C-alpha atoms as a PDB file:
ATOM      1  CA  MET A   1      16.604   5.650  -3.027  1.00  0.00           C
ATOM      2  CA  PRO A   2      16.141   2.102  -1.685  1.00  0.00           C
ATOM      3  CA  THR A   3      14.373  -0.485  -3.819  1.00  0.00           C
ATOM      4  CA  PRO A   4      10.640  -0.627  -3.021  1.00  0.00           C
ATOM      5  CA  SER A   5       9.751  -3.609  -0.879  1.00  0.00           C
ATOM      6  CA  LEU A   6       6.952  -5.494   0.786  1.00  0.00           C
ATOM      7  CA  ILE A   7       6.883  -4.851   4.532  1.00  0.00           C
ATOM      8  CA  SER A   8       3.951  -7.020   5.551  1.00  0.00           C
ATOM      9  CA  VAL A   9       1.263  -9.246   4.006  1.00  0.00           C
ATOM     10  CA  GLN A  10      -2.258  -9.447   5.460  1.00  0.00           C
ATOM     11  CA  VAL A  11      -5.276 -11.610   4.732  1.00  0.00           C
ATOM     12  CA  GLY A  12      -8.690 -12.094   6.287  1.00  0.00           C
ATOM     13  CA  ILE A  13     -12.079 -13.619   5.725  1.00  0.00           C
ATOM     14  CA  PRO A  14     -15.271 -11.574   6.121  1.00  0.00           C
ATOM     15  CA  ARG A  15     -16.761 -11.180   9.551  1.00  0.00           C
ATOM     16  CA  THR A  16     -20.093  -9.744  10.675  1.00  0.00           C
ATOM     17  CA  VAL A  17     -20.106  -6.465  12.580  1.00  0.00           C
ATOM     18  CA  GLN A  18     -23.031  -5.227  14.658  1.00  0.00           C
ATOM     19  CA  VAL A  19     -24.324  -1.772  13.721  1.00  0.00           C
ATOM     20  CA  ASP A  20     -27.335   0.279  14.810  1.00  0.00           C
ATOM     21  CA  HIS A  21     -29.550  -1.044  12.017  1.00  0.00           C
ATOM     22  CA  GLY A  22     -28.455  -4.675  12.191  1.00  0.00           C
ATOM     23  CA  GLU A  23     -25.427  -6.581  10.951  1.00  0.00           C
ATOM     24  CA  VAL A  24     -22.906  -5.782   8.213  1.00  0.00           C
ATOM     25  CA  PRO A  25     -20.451  -8.245   6.658  1.00  0.00           C
ATOM     26  CA  THR A  26     -16.971  -6.845   6.066  1.00  0.00           C
ATOM     27  CA  GLY A  27     -13.583  -8.107   4.966  1.00  0.00           C
ATOM     28  CA  ILE A  28     -11.667  -5.046   6.171  1.00  0.00           C
ATOM     29  CA  PHE A  29     -10.167  -6.866   9.156  1.00  0.00           C
ATOM     30  CA  LYS A  30      -6.841  -8.361   8.057  1.00  0.00           C
ATOM     31  CA  ALA A  31      -4.112 -10.159   9.998  1.00  0.00           C
ATOM     32  CA  PRO A  32      -0.420 -10.527   9.070  1.00  0.00           C
ATOM     33  CA  VAL A  33       0.757 -13.741   7.424  1.00  0.00           C
ATOM     34  CA  GLN A  34       4.077 -15.092   8.655  1.00  0.00           C
ATOM     35  CA  LYS A  35       4.791 -17.320   5.658  1.00  0.00           C
ATOM     36  CA  ARG A  36       4.961 -17.020   1.893  1.00  0.00           C
ATOM     37  CA  ILE A  37       1.575 -17.331   0.200  1.00  0.00           C
ATOM     38  CA  GLN A  38       0.113 -17.474  -3.272  1.00  0.00           C
ATOM     39  CA  MET A  39      -1.200 -14.349  -4.977  1.00  0.00           C
ATOM     40  CA  ARG A  40      -3.991 -15.468  -7.278  1.00  0.00           C
ATOM     41  CA  THR A  41      -6.143 -13.815  -9.934  1.00  0.00           C
ATOM     42  CA  LEU A  42      -8.899 -12.769  -7.521  1.00  0.00           C
ATOM     43  CA  ASN A  43      -7.120 -12.521  -4.149  1.00  0.00           C
ATOM     44  CA  LEU A  44      -4.407 -13.885  -1.908  1.00  0.00           C
ATOM     45  CA  ASP A  45      -4.773 -17.367  -0.460  1.00  0.00           C
ATOM     46  CA  GLY A  46      -6.769 -17.014   2.753  1.00  0.00           C
ATOM     47  CA  ASP A  47      -8.264 -13.667   1.799  1.00  0.00           C
ATOM     48  CA  ARG A  48     -11.844 -12.891   0.812  1.00  0.00           C
ATOM     49  CA  GLN A  49     -13.945  -9.796   0.152  1.00  0.00           C
ATOM     50  CA  ALA A  50     -17.417  -9.415   1.654  1.00  0.00           C
ATOM     51  CA  ASP A  51     -19.198  -7.263  -0.940  1.00  0.00           C
ATOM     52  CA  LEU A  52     -17.998  -8.067  -4.447  1.00  0.00           C
ATOM     53  CA  THR A  53     -20.036  -5.210  -5.927  1.00  0.00           C
ATOM     54  CA  VAL A  54     -17.530  -2.696  -4.505  1.00  0.00           C
ATOM     55  CA  HIS A  55     -14.494  -4.782  -3.517  1.00  0.00           C
ATOM     56  CA  GLY A  56     -12.528  -7.525  -5.188  1.00  0.00           C
ATOM     57  CA  GLY A  57     -12.819  -8.833  -8.714  1.00  0.00           C
ATOM     58  CA  ARG A  58      -9.966  -8.833 -11.199  1.00  0.00           C
ATOM     59  CA  ASP A  59      -9.453  -5.062 -11.068  1.00  0.00           C
ATOM     60  CA  LYS A  60      -9.279  -4.940  -7.266  1.00  0.00           C
ATOM     61  CA  ALA A  61      -7.787  -8.304  -6.410  1.00  0.00           C
ATOM     62  CA  VAL A  62      -5.100  -7.000  -4.037  1.00  0.00           C
ATOM     63  CA  TYR A  63      -4.923  -3.731  -2.088  1.00  0.00           C
ATOM     64  CA  ALA A  64      -1.589  -2.081  -1.274  1.00  0.00           C
ATOM     65  CA  TYR A  65      -0.982   0.732   1.201  1.00  0.00           C
ATOM     66  CA  PRO A  66       2.267   2.670   1.793  1.00  0.00           C
ATOM     67  CA  SER A  67       3.834   2.119   5.203  1.00  0.00           C
ATOM     68  CA  GLU A  68       5.029   5.733   5.055  1.00  0.00           C
ATOM     69  CA  HIS A  69       1.460   6.919   5.743  1.00  0.00           C
ATOM     70  CA  TYR A  70       1.317   5.271   9.139  1.00  0.00           C
ATOM     71  CA  ALA A  71       3.303   8.122  10.734  1.00  0.00           C
ATOM     72  CA  PHE A  72       0.657  10.591   9.515  1.00  0.00           C
ATOM     73  CA  TRP A  73      -2.176   8.506  10.923  1.00  0.00           C
ATOM     74  CA  LYS A  74      -0.410   7.942  14.242  1.00  0.00           C
ATOM     75  CA  HIS A  75      -0.227  11.718  14.559  1.00  0.00           C
ATOM     76  CA  GLU A  76      -3.870  12.108  13.522  1.00  0.00           C
ATOM     77  CA  LEU A  77      -5.088   9.244  15.741  1.00  0.00           C
ATOM     78  CA  PRO A  78      -2.696   9.254  18.715  1.00  0.00           C
ATOM     79  CA  ASP A  79      -4.838   6.959  20.866  1.00  0.00           C
ATOM     80  CA  VAL A  80      -5.348   4.282  18.217  1.00  0.00           C
ATOM     81  CA  ASP A  81      -3.176   1.191  17.876  1.00  0.00           C
ATOM     82  CA  LEU A  82      -2.093   0.914  14.235  1.00  0.00           C
ATOM     83  CA  PRO A  83      -0.453  -2.406  13.373  1.00  0.00           C
ATOM     84  CA  TRP A  84       0.275  -3.167   9.731  1.00  0.00           C
ATOM     85  CA  GLY A  85      -2.967  -3.906   7.908  1.00  0.00           C
ATOM     86  CA  SER A  86      -4.964  -1.351   9.866  1.00  0.00           C
ATOM     87  CA  PHE A  87      -6.441   0.135   6.696  1.00  0.00           C
ATOM     88  CA  GLY A  88      -7.561  -3.200   5.321  1.00  0.00           C
ATOM     89  CA  GLU A  89      -4.582  -3.536   3.003  1.00  0.00           C
ATOM     90  CA  ASN A  90      -3.259  -6.868   1.822  1.00  0.00           C
ATOM     91  CA  LEU A  91       0.197  -5.469   1.146  1.00  0.00           C
ATOM     92  CA  THR A  92       1.961  -2.894   3.284  1.00  0.00           C
ATOM     93  CA  THR A  93       4.696  -1.417   1.097  1.00  0.00           C
ATOM     94  CA  ARG A  94       7.806   0.740   1.424  1.00  0.00           C
ATOM     95  CA  GLY A  95       9.042   3.063  -1.317  1.00  0.00           C
ATOM     96  CA  LEU A  96       5.833   3.330  -3.342  1.00  0.00           C
ATOM     97  CA  LEU A  97       3.827   6.523  -2.932  1.00  0.00           C
ATOM     98  CA  GLU A  98       0.760   7.787  -4.773  1.00  0.00           C
ATOM     99  CA  THR A  99       2.784  10.506  -6.484  1.00  0.00           C
ATOM    100  CA  GLY A 100       5.220   8.001  -8.005  1.00  0.00           C
ATOM    101  CA  VAL A 101       2.948   5.053  -8.798  1.00  0.00           C
ATOM    102  CA  HIS A 102       1.021   5.344 -12.065  1.00  0.00           C
ATOM    103  CA  LEU A 103      -2.132   3.767 -13.357  1.00  0.00           C
ATOM    104  CA  GLY A 104      -1.040   0.859 -15.529  1.00  0.00           C
ATOM    105  CA  ASP A 105       2.425   0.479 -13.987  1.00  0.00           C
ATOM    106  CA  ARG A 106       3.436  -3.157 -13.716  1.00  0.00           C
ATOM    107  CA  PHE A 107       5.414  -4.585 -10.816  1.00  0.00           C
ATOM    108  CA  GLN A 108       6.965  -7.927  -9.957  1.00  0.00           C
ATOM    109  CA  ILE A 109       6.533  -9.086  -6.363  1.00  0.00           C
ATOM    110  CA  GLY A 110       8.066 -12.463  -5.607  1.00  0.00           C
ATOM    111  CA  THR A 111       7.122 -14.601  -8.591  1.00  0.00           C
ATOM    112  CA  ALA A 112       3.877 -12.688  -9.249  1.00  0.00           C
ATOM    113  CA  GLU A 113       3.304  -9.760 -11.597  1.00  0.00           C
ATOM    114  CA  VAL A 114       0.661  -7.089 -10.978  1.00  0.00           C
ATOM    115  CA  ALA A 115      -0.657  -3.926 -12.621  1.00  0.00           C
ATOM    116  CA  VAL A 116      -1.961  -0.796 -10.904  1.00  0.00           C
ATOM    117  CA  THR A 117      -5.653  -0.222 -11.655  1.00  0.00           C
ATOM    118  CA  GLN A 118      -7.013   2.576  -9.424  1.00  0.00           C
ATOM    119  CA  PRO A 119      -6.801   4.358  -6.059  1.00  0.00           C
ATOM    120  CA  ARG A 120      -8.834   3.096  -3.119  1.00  0.00           C
ATOM    121  CA  LEU A 121     -11.990   4.971  -2.242  1.00  0.00           C
ATOM    122  CA  PRO A 122     -13.014   4.458   1.391  1.00  0.00           C
ATOM    123  CA  CYS A 123     -16.501   3.301   2.308  1.00  0.00           C
ATOM    124  CA  PHE A 124     -18.419   3.374   5.580  1.00  0.00           C
ATOM    125  CA  LYS A 125     -16.752   0.136   6.674  1.00  0.00           C
ATOM    126  CA  LEU A 126     -13.602   2.110   7.421  1.00  0.00           C
ATOM    127  CA  ASN A 127     -15.711   3.982   9.968  1.00  0.00           C
ATOM    128  CA  LEU A 128     -16.748   0.637  11.473  1.00  0.00           C
ATOM    129  CA  LYS A 129     -13.152  -0.543  11.611  1.00  0.00           C
ATOM    130  CA  PHE A 130     -11.990   2.543  13.490  1.00  0.00           C
ATOM    131  CA  GLN A 131     -15.275   3.103  15.346  1.00  0.00           C
ATOM    132  CA  ARG A 132     -15.308   6.707  14.135  1.00  0.00           C
ATOM    133  CA  ASP A 133     -18.025   8.312  12.035  1.00  0.00           C
ATOM    134  CA  ASP A 134     -15.516  10.565  10.279  1.00  0.00           C
ATOM    135  CA  MET A 135     -12.786   8.089   9.322  1.00  0.00           C
ATOM    136  CA  ALA A 136     -13.800   7.512   5.692  1.00  0.00           C
ATOM    137  CA  LYS A 137     -14.119  11.274   5.179  1.00  0.00           C
ATOM    138  CA  ARG A 138     -10.710  11.896   6.723  1.00  0.00           C
ATOM    139  CA  PHE A 139      -9.125   9.117   4.705  1.00  0.00           C
ATOM    140  CA  LEU A 140     -10.436  10.571   1.444  1.00  0.00           C
ATOM    141  CA  ALA A 141      -9.432  14.126   2.391  1.00  0.00           C
ATOM    142  CA  SER A 142      -5.884  12.970   3.189  1.00  0.00           C
ATOM    143  CA  ARG A 143      -5.515  11.564  -0.354  1.00  0.00           C
ATOM    144  CA  ARG A 144      -3.371   8.860   1.217  1.00  0.00           C
ATOM    145  CA  THR A 145      -5.401   6.273  -0.621  1.00  0.00           C
ATOM    146  CA  GLY A 146      -3.090   3.436  -1.517  1.00  0.00           C
ATOM    147  CA  PHE A 147      -3.885   1.571  -4.725  1.00  0.00           C
ATOM    148  CA  TYR A 148      -5.293  -1.640  -6.138  1.00  0.00           C
ATOM    149  CA  PHE A 149      -3.477  -4.265  -8.175  1.00  0.00           C
ATOM    150  CA  ARG A 150      -4.722  -6.557 -10.896  1.00  0.00           C
ATOM    151  CA  VAL A 151      -2.837  -9.867 -10.870  1.00  0.00           C
ATOM    152  CA  LEU A 152      -1.334 -10.500 -14.302  1.00  0.00           C
ATOM    153  CA  ARG A 153       0.697 -13.533 -13.286  1.00  0.00           C
ATOM    154  CA  GLU A 154      -0.055 -15.612 -10.237  1.00  0.00           C
ATOM    155  CA  GLY A 155       2.864 -16.340  -7.956  1.00  0.00           C
ATOM    156  CA  GLU A 156       4.253 -16.607  -4.445  1.00  0.00           C
ATOM    157  CA  ILE A 157       4.921 -13.548  -2.299  1.00  0.00           C
ATOM    158  CA  GLY A 158       6.100 -12.820   1.215  1.00  0.00           C
ATOM    159  CA  ALA A 159       7.200 -10.034   3.527  1.00  0.00           C
ATOM    160  CA  GLY A 160      10.649  -8.796   2.609  1.00  0.00           C
ATOM    161  CA  ASP A 161      10.222  -9.260  -1.147  1.00  0.00           C
ATOM    162  CA  GLU A 162      11.458  -6.499  -3.394  1.00  0.00           C
ATOM    163  CA  ILE A 163       8.832  -4.784  -5.535  1.00  0.00           C
ATOM    164  CA  GLY A 164      10.357  -4.205  -8.943  1.00  0.00           C
ATOM    165  CA  ARG A 165       8.748  -1.950 -11.520  1.00  0.00           C
ATOM    166  CA  VAL A 166       8.906  -3.886 -14.784  1.00  0.00           C
ATOM    167  CA  HIS A 167       6.975  -1.343 -16.857  1.00  0.00           C
ATOM    168  CA  GLN A 168       6.050   2.297 -16.358  1.00  0.00           C
ATOM    169  CA  ASP A 169       2.854   3.201 -18.163  1.00  0.00           C
ATOM    170  CA  GLU A 170       3.557   5.688 -20.943  1.00  0.00           C
ATOM    171  CA  ASN A 171       0.536   7.857 -20.042  1.00  0.00           C
ATOM    172  CA  ARG A 172       2.140   8.795 -16.701  1.00  0.00           C
ATOM    173  CA  VAL A 173      -1.055   9.343 -14.710  1.00  0.00           C
ATOM    174  CA  SER A 174      -0.133   8.863 -11.060  1.00  0.00           C
ATOM    175  CA  ILE A 175      -2.495   7.639  -8.376  1.00  0.00           C
ATOM    176  CA  ALA A 176      -2.414  11.187  -6.990  1.00  0.00           C
ATOM    177  CA  ASP A 177      -3.387  12.468 -10.456  1.00  0.00           C
ATOM    178  CA  ALA A 178      -6.260   9.970 -10.594  1.00  0.00           C
ATOM    179  CA  MET A 179      -7.613  11.402  -7.354  1.00  0.00           C
ATOM    180  CA  LYS A 180      -7.383  14.907  -8.806  1.00  0.00           C
ATOM    181  CA  ILE A 181      -9.536  13.753 -11.717  1.00  0.00           C
ATOM    182  CA  TYR A 182     -12.002  11.945  -9.466  1.00  0.00           C
ATOM    183  CA  LEU A 183     -12.416  14.907  -7.119  1.00  0.00           C
ATOM    184  CA  GLY A 184     -12.810  17.353  -9.990  1.00  0.00           C
ATOM    185  CA  ASP A 185      -9.685  19.408  -9.448  1.00  0.00           C
ATOM    186  CA  PRO A 186      -9.323  22.299 -11.894  1.00  0.00           C
ATOM    187  CA  ASP A 187      -7.303  21.606 -15.044  1.00  0.00           C
ATOM    188  CA  SER A 188      -7.730  17.831 -14.787  1.00  0.00           C
ATOM    189  CA  ALA A 189      -9.271  17.389 -18.268  1.00  0.00           C
ATOM    190  CA  GLU A 190      -5.947  16.574 -19.916  1.00  0.00           C
ATOM    191  CA  LEU A 191      -5.108  14.105 -17.150  1.00  0.00           C
ATOM    192  CA  ARG A 192      -8.466  12.436 -17.679  1.00  0.00           C
ATOM    193  CA  GLU A 193      -7.806  11.996 -21.396  1.00  0.00           C
ATOM    194  CA  ARG A 194      -4.488  10.314 -20.602  1.00  0.00           C
ATOM    195  CA  ALA A 195      -6.052   8.129 -17.904  1.00  0.00           C
ATOM    196  CA  LEU A 196      -8.625   6.821 -20.342  1.00  0.00           C
ATOM    197  CA  ARG A 197      -5.775   5.551 -22.533  1.00  0.00           C
ATOM    198  CA  VAL A 198      -4.370   3.365 -19.740  1.00  0.00           C
ATOM    199  CA  LYS A 199      -4.836  -0.306 -20.604  1.00  0.00           C
ATOM    200  CA  TYR A 200      -5.203  -1.503 -17.024  1.00  0.00           C
ATOM    201  CA  LEU A 201      -7.418   1.304 -15.699  1.00  0.00           C
ATOM    202  CA  SER A 202     -10.221  -0.459 -13.798  1.00  0.00           C
ATOM    203  CA  ASN A 203     -13.574  -0.695 -15.543  1.00  0.00           C
ATOM    204  CA  SER A 204     -15.360   1.234 -12.795  1.00  0.00           C
ATOM    205  CA  TRP A 205     -12.938   4.152 -12.961  1.00  0.00           C
ATOM    206  CA  ARG A 206     -13.023   4.092 -16.771  1.00  0.00           C
ATOM    207  CA  GLU A 207     -16.786   4.524 -16.569  1.00  0.00           C
ATOM    208  CA  GLU A 208     -16.378   7.274 -13.966  1.00  0.00           C
ATOM    209  CA  PHE A 209     -13.867   9.213 -16.064  1.00  0.00           C
ATOM    210  CA  SER A 210     -15.805   8.687 -19.286  1.00  0.00           C
ATOM    211  CA  GLY A 211     -18.875  10.140 -17.608  1.00  0.00           C
ATOM    212  CA  GLN A 212     -16.975  13.333 -16.792  1.00  0.00           C
ATOM    213  CA  VAL A 213     -16.269  14.108 -20.445  1.00  0.00           C
END
C-alpha cells in the first residue's frame, strides 16, 4: 500500500453569505495553496475559522478529508463541480481512511507533527456551501467525515508531502468507531470506554462520550 500523502492544501478567510434570515459568516470556502505554508497551533497561515465556538481552537486546528471520498460524492452529486477543498478541508489526503485512522494517532507532515482528535460533524454551513438543504444530513449519513488534527509541533507543509504515522494510539479507536459511539450504535459501550482513555481526544467529544455513560 502506498505511503499516505498530502494531495492538496487549502486555506480561506471567513466570508459572509446571504441567507433567508440575514447574513451568516462562514470559513467553509477554501482555495488551494500553490506553495509551502506554515501549520501553526491554531490554523494554517492564511486560514481562519468564522465561529470559534464550533470550529477551530487547539483541538480542531486543521481539518483533513480523504481524497478517496470524492468519487462517492461525484456519483451522489453528478452536476456539482468538486475541486479539492469542496468540503471545507484544509488538507486533502490520500491513503488515510476513517477505518484506519485512530483517535490519538500522531502523524508527521512536512516538518509539522499532528494528532487526531475527532471526526468532523457537519453543520448547516455545508448546506450553504452546496446550496442544498440536505447536504449536512447526507454527509453525516455517509460517515465519510474526515477528521481533525491538533498541531503538536508547528512546521512547514505542502502538497506532495508524505504523511507518516509516528505513533498509533494504543486504544485503537478509529474515526469510524468514534462515529459509531456518537450515533449510539449497539455494542459501542466498550469502544466508548477506550475512547475516553485517548490522550488527544478533543474536549468536546470527551464531554459527549462521558455524558453517554
